[in-house]
Amino acid sequence: ARNIGILITDHNVRETLGICDRAYIMNEGSVLTQGAPADVLANEDVRNVYLGREFRM
């Protein structure tokens, strides 16, 4: 591992979470949550504020 980080800002959740190991979700200028894509998708706050309750990968 080379410990390389890349910042991607995108609203295409499916593609972005499909290529990353770790994600940060921002809301109103603050980090709402961070973690592995599966953990981010399971986060209730992320579903309520950003993804919607019915979102599926």
PDB file of N, CA and C in Angstrom:
ATOM      1  N   ALA A   1       0.847  -1.189   0.000  1.00  0.00           N
ATOM      2  CA  ALA A   1       0.000   0.000   0.000  1.00  0.00           C
ATOM      3  C   ALA A   1       0.884   1.241   0.000  1.00  0.00           C
ATOM      4  N   ARG A   2       0.459   2.238  -0.740  1.00  0.00           N
ATOM      5  CA  ARG A   2       1.246   3.452  -0.863  1.00  0.00           C
ATOM      6  C   ARG A   2       0.679   4.598  -0.037  1.00  0.00           C
ATOM      7  N   ASN A   3      -0.418   4.373   0.660  1.00  0.00           N
ATOM      8  CA  ASN A   3      -1.035   5.405   1.496  1.00  0.00           C
ATOM      9  C   ASN A   3      -1.310   6.686   0.721  1.00  0.00           C
ATOM     10  N   ILE A   4      -1.978   6.547  -0.411  1.00  0.00           N
ATOM     11  CA  ILE A   4      -2.323   7.687  -1.249  1.00  0.00           C
ATOM     12  C   ILE A   4      -3.784   8.042  -1.015  1.00  0.00           C
ATOM     13  N   GLY A   5      -4.055   9.314  -0.816  1.00  0.00           N
ATOM     14  CA  GLY A   5      -5.426   9.787  -0.663  1.00  0.00           C
ATOM     15  C   GLY A   5      -5.815  10.652  -1.844  1.00  0.00           C
ATOM     16  N   ILE A   6      -7.062  10.540  -2.269  1.00  0.00           N
ATOM     17  CA  ILE A   6      -7.597  11.347  -3.360  1.00  0.00           C
ATOM     18  C   ILE A   6      -8.927  11.916  -2.903  1.00  0.00           C
ATOM     19  N   LEU A   7      -9.126  13.201  -3.127  1.00  0.00           N
ATOM     20  CA  LEU A   7     -10.391  13.844  -2.783  1.00  0.00           C
ATOM     21  C   LEU A   7     -11.275  13.885  -4.016  1.00  0.00           C
ATOM     22  N   ILE A   8     -12.451  13.283  -3.909  1.00  0.00           N
ATOM     23  CA  ILE A   8     -13.439  13.313  -4.983  1.00  0.00           C
ATOM     24  C   ILE A   8     -14.699  13.951  -4.415  1.00  0.00           C
ATOM     25  N   THR A   9     -15.180  14.976  -5.074  1.00  0.00           N
ATOM     26  CA  THR A   9     -16.468  15.550  -4.689  1.00  0.00           C
ATOM     27  C   THR A   9     -17.443  15.241  -5.806  1.00  0.00           C
ATOM     28  N   ASP A  10     -18.505  14.536  -5.467  1.00  0.00           N
ATOM     29  CA  ASP A  10     -19.434  14.074  -6.488  1.00  0.00           C
ATOM     30  C   ASP A  10     -20.783  13.801  -5.842  1.00  0.00           C
ATOM     31  N   HIS A  11     -21.824  13.905  -6.633  1.00  0.00           N
ATOM     32  CA  HIS A  11     -23.159  13.575  -6.136  1.00  0.00           C
ATOM     33  C   HIS A  11     -23.648  12.237  -6.685  1.00  0.00           C
ATOM     34  N   ASN A  12     -22.804  11.543  -7.432  1.00  0.00           N
ATOM     35  CA  ASN A  12     -23.154  10.227  -7.933  1.00  0.00           C
ATOM     36  C   ASN A  12     -22.698   9.192  -6.903  1.00  0.00           C
ATOM     37  N   VAL A  13     -23.562   8.940  -5.954  1.00  0.00           N
ATOM     38  CA  VAL A  13     -23.225   8.111  -4.795  1.00  0.00           C
ATOM     39  C   VAL A  13     -22.844   6.696  -5.195  1.00  0.00           C
ATOM     40  N   ARG A  14     -23.584   6.099  -6.090  1.00  0.00           N
ATOM     41  CA  ARG A  14     -23.306   4.708  -6.464  1.00  0.00           C
ATOM     42  C   ARG A  14     -21.896   4.547  -7.033  1.00  0.00           C
ATOM     43  N   GLU A  15     -21.530   5.394  -7.970  1.00  0.00           N
ATOM     44  CA  GLU A  15     -20.190   5.288  -8.562  1.00  0.00           C
ATOM     45  C   GLU A  15     -19.097   5.622  -7.557  1.00  0.00           C
ATOM     46  N   THR A  16     -19.282   6.687  -6.803  1.00  0.00           N
ATOM     47  CA  THR A  16     -18.247   7.128  -5.872  1.00  0.00           C
ATOM     48  C   THR A  16     -18.007   6.101  -4.771  1.00  0.00           C
ATOM     49  N   LEU A  17     -19.067   5.621  -4.131  1.00  0.00           N
ATOM     50  CA  LEU A  17     -18.885   4.634  -3.064  1.00  0.00           C
ATOM     51  C   LEU A  17     -18.412   3.293  -3.605  1.00  0.00           C
ATOM     52  N   GLY A  18     -18.649   3.056  -4.887  1.00  0.00           N
ATOM     53  CA  GLY A  18     -18.202   1.818  -5.508  1.00  0.00           C
ATOM     54  C   GLY A  18     -16.696   1.747  -5.735  1.00  0.00           C
ATOM     55  N   ILE A  19     -16.009   2.908  -5.713  1.00  0.00           N
ATOM     56  CA  ILE A  19     -14.572   2.908  -5.991  1.00  0.00           C
ATOM     57  C   ILE A  19     -13.713   3.296  -4.791  1.00  0.00           C
ATOM     58  N   CYS A  20     -14.339   3.641  -3.676  1.00  0.00           N
ATOM     59  CA  CYS A  20     -13.524   4.120  -2.550  1.00  0.00           C
ATOM     60  C   CYS A  20     -13.503   3.118  -1.396  1.00  0.00           C
ATOM     61  N   ASP A  21     -12.481   3.254  -0.564  1.00  0.00           N
ATOM     62  CA  ASP A  21     -12.349   2.435   0.644  1.00  0.00           C
ATOM     63  C   ASP A  21     -12.928   3.148   1.858  1.00  0.00           C
ATOM     64  N   ARG A  22     -12.970   4.479   1.785  1.00  0.00           N
ATOM     65  CA  ARG A  22     -13.435   5.300   2.905  1.00  0.00           C
ATOM     66  C   ARG A  22     -14.129   6.519   2.323  1.00  0.00           C
ATOM     67  N   ALA A  23     -15.223   6.936   2.958  1.00  0.00           N
ATOM     68  CA  ALA A  23     -15.981   8.096   2.478  1.00  0.00           C
ATOM     69  C   ALA A  23     -16.313   9.022   3.635  1.00  0.00           C
ATOM     70  N   TYR A  24     -16.436  10.285   3.311  1.00  0.00           N
ATOM     71  CA  TYR A  24     -16.876  11.310   4.254  1.00  0.00           C
ATOM     72  C   TYR A  24     -18.116  11.950   3.655  1.00  0.00           C
ATOM     73  N   ILE A  25     -19.166  12.053   4.422  1.00  0.00           N
ATOM     74  CA  ILE A  25     -20.391  12.701   3.966  1.00  0.00           C
ATOM     75  C   ILE A  25     -20.520  14.022   4.703  1.00  0.00           C
ATOM     76  N   MET A  26     -20.615  15.095   3.918  1.00  0.00           N
ATOM     77  CA  MET A  26     -20.723  16.447   4.473  1.00  0.00           C
ATOM     78  C   MET A  26     -22.181  16.899   4.456  1.00  0.00           C
ATOM     79  N   ASN A  27     -22.558  17.674   5.459  1.00  0.00           N
ATOM     80  CA  ASN A  27     -23.886  18.278   5.516  1.00  0.00           C
ATOM     81  C   ASN A  27     -23.762  19.639   6.178  1.00  0.00           C
ATOM     82  N   GLU A  28     -24.146  20.673   5.460  1.00  0.00           N
ATOM     83  CA  GLU A  28     -24.118  22.043   5.969  1.00  0.00           C
ATOM     84  C   GLU A  28     -22.749  22.418   6.535  1.00  0.00           C
ATOM     85  N   GLY A  29     -21.684  22.027   5.831  1.00  0.00           N
ATOM     86  CA  GLY A  29     -20.330  22.416   6.206  1.00  0.00           C
ATOM     87  C   GLY A  29     -19.653  21.560   7.256  1.00  0.00           C
ATOM     88  N   SER A  30     -20.308  20.517   7.724  1.00  0.00           N
ATOM     89  CA  SER A  30     -19.720  19.634   8.739  1.00  0.00           C
ATOM     90  C   SER A  30     -19.747  18.192   8.258  1.00  0.00           C
ATOM     91  N   VAL A  31     -18.831  17.387   8.789  1.00  0.00           N
ATOM     92  CA  VAL A  31     -18.818  15.964   8.461  1.00  0.00           C
ATOM     93  C   VAL A  31     -19.975  15.295   9.199  1.00  0.00           C
ATOM     94  N   LEU A  32     -20.895  14.745   8.436  1.00  0.00           N
ATOM     95  CA  LEU A  32     -22.039  14.042   9.015  1.00  0.00           C
ATOM     96  C   LEU A  32     -21.615  12.657   9.490  1.00  0.00           C
ATOM     97  N   THR A  33     -20.829  11.973   8.673  1.00  0.00           N
ATOM     98  CA  THR A  33     -20.284  10.667   9.041  1.00  0.00           C
ATOM     99  C   THR A  33     -19.094  10.357   8.150  1.00  0.00           C
ATOM    100  N   GLN A  34     -18.352   9.350   8.541  1.00  0.00           N
ATOM    101  CA  GLN A  34     -17.214   8.877   7.757  1.00  0.00           C
ATOM    102  C   GLN A  34     -17.061   7.395   8.002  1.00  0.00           C
ATOM    103  N   GLY A  35     -16.438   6.721   7.050  1.00  0.00           N
ATOM    104  CA  GLY A  35     -16.172   5.303   7.233  1.00  0.00           C
ATOM    105  C   GLY A  35     -16.198   4.542   5.930  1.00  0.00           C
ATOM    106  N   ALA A  36     -16.213   3.235   6.061  1.00  0.00           N
ATOM    107  CA  ALA A  36     -16.298   2.364   4.893  1.00  0.00           C
ATOM    108  C   ALA A  36     -17.636   2.600   4.196  1.00  0.00           C
ATOM    109  N   PRO A  37     -17.695   2.413   2.881  1.00  0.00           N
ATOM    110  CA  PRO A  37     -18.943   2.654   2.165  1.00  0.00           C
ATOM    111  C   PRO A  37     -20.157   1.945   2.771  1.00  0.00           C
ATOM    112  N   ALA A  38     -20.008   0.698   3.189  1.00  0.00           N
ATOM    113  CA  ALA A  38     -21.137  -0.033   3.783  1.00  0.00           C
ATOM    114  C   ALA A  38     -21.618   0.637   5.064  1.00  0.00           C
ATOM    115  N   ASP A  39     -20.689   1.140   5.861  1.00  0.00           N
ATOM    116  CA  ASP A  39     -21.056   1.824   7.105  1.00  0.00           C
ATOM    117  C   ASP A  39     -21.750   3.151   6.819  1.00  0.00           C
ATOM    118  N   VAL A  40     -21.257   3.870   5.813  1.00  0.00           N
ATOM    119  CA  VAL A  40     -21.876   5.142   5.433  1.00  0.00           C
ATOM    120  C   VAL A  40     -23.305   4.899   4.951  1.00  0.00           C
ATOM    121  N   LEU A  41     -23.496   3.890   4.116  1.00  0.00           N
ATOM    122  CA  LEU A  41     -24.828   3.583   3.592  1.00  0.00           C
ATOM    123  C   LEU A  41     -25.796   3.143   4.681  1.00  0.00           C
ATOM    124  N   ALA A  42     -25.295   2.526   5.733  1.00  0.00           N
ATOM    125  CA  ALA A  42     -26.147   2.055   6.826  1.00  0.00           C
ATOM    126  C   ALA A  42     -26.465   3.145   7.841  1.00  0.00           C
ATOM    127  N   ASN A  43     -25.799   4.281   7.751  1.00  0.00           N
ATOM    128  CA  ASN A  43     -25.974   5.356   8.726  1.00  0.00           C
ATOM    129  C   ASN A  43     -27.348   6.014   8.570  1.00  0.00           C
ATOM    130  N   GLU A  44     -28.129   6.035   9.628  1.00  0.00           N
ATOM    131  CA  GLU A  44     -29.490   6.591   9.589  1.00  0.00           C
ATOM    132  C   GLU A  44     -29.504   8.076   9.249  1.00  0.00           C
ATOM    133  N   ASP A  45     -28.550   8.841   9.778  1.00  0.00           N
ATOM    134  CA  ASP A  45     -28.498  10.275   9.469  1.00  0.00           C
ATOM    135  C   ASP A  45     -28.242  10.501   7.983  1.00  0.00           C
ATOM    136  N   VAL A  46     -27.349   9.726   7.401  1.00  0.00           N
ATOM    137  CA  VAL A  46     -27.060   9.847   5.967  1.00  0.00           C
ATOM    138  C   VAL A  46     -28.309   9.523   5.157  1.00  0.00           C
ATOM    139  N   ARG A  47     -29.023   8.494   5.554  1.00  0.00           N
ATOM    140  CA  ARG A  47     -30.252   8.127   4.840  1.00  0.00           C
ATOM    141  C   ARG A  47     -31.320   9.211   4.974  1.00  0.00           C
ATOM    142  N   ASN A  48     -31.441   9.790   6.139  1.00  0.00           N
ATOM    143  CA  ASN A  48     -32.460  10.821   6.351  1.00  0.00           C
ATOM    144  C   ASN A  48     -32.131  12.130   5.645  1.00  0.00           C
ATOM    145  N   VAL A  49     -30.863  12.537   5.677  1.00  0.00           N
ATOM    146  CA  VAL A  49     -30.467  13.853   5.174  1.00  0.00           C
ATOM    147  C   VAL A  49     -30.099  13.825   3.693  1.00  0.00           C
ATOM    148  N   TYR A  50     -29.463  12.743   3.241  1.00  0.00           N
ATOM    149  CA  TYR A  50     -28.846  12.768   1.918  1.00  0.00           C
ATOM    150  C   TYR A  50     -29.398  11.726   0.942  1.00  0.00           C
ATOM    151  N   LEU A  51     -29.396  10.480   1.320  1.00  0.00           N
ATOM    152  CA  LEU A  51     -29.725   9.408   0.383  1.00  0.00           C
ATOM    153  C   LEU A  51     -31.214   9.163   0.202  1.00  0.00           C
ATOM    154  N   GLY A  52     -31.963   9.312   1.261  1.00  0.00           N
ATOM    155  CA  GLY A  52     -33.370   8.918   1.234  1.00  0.00           C
ATOM    156  C   GLY A  52     -33.516   7.515   1.802  1.00  0.00           C
ATOM    157  N   ARG A  53     -34.638   7.241   2.362  1.00  0.00           N
ATOM    158  CA  ARG A  53     -34.867   5.964   3.049  1.00  0.00           C
ATOM    159  C   ARG A  53     -34.832   4.768   2.097  1.00  0.00           C
ATOM    160  N   GLU A  54     -35.235   4.955   0.851  1.00  0.00           N
ATOM    161  CA  GLU A  54     -35.360   3.840  -0.090  1.00  0.00           C
ATOM    162  C   GLU A  54     -34.116   3.617  -0.955  1.00  0.00           C
ATOM    163  N   PHE A  55     -33.038   4.350  -0.720  1.00  0.00           N
ATOM    164  CA  PHE A  55     -31.836   4.239  -1.554  1.00  0.00           C
ATOM    165  C   PHE A  55     -31.263   2.832  -1.499  1.00  0.00           C
ATOM    166  N   ARG A  56     -30.881   2.311  -2.660  1.00  0.00           N
ATOM    167  CA  ARG A  56     -30.232   0.997  -2.767  1.00  0.00           C
ATOM    168  C   ARG A  56     -29.032   1.121  -3.692  1.00  0.00           C
ATOM    169  N   MET A  57     -27.964   0.424  -3.360  1.00  0.00           N
ATOM    170  CA  MET A  57     -26.786   0.395  -4.239  1.00  0.00           C
ATOM    171  C   MET A  57     -27.073  -0.571  -5.349  1.00  0.00           C
TER     172      MET A  57
END
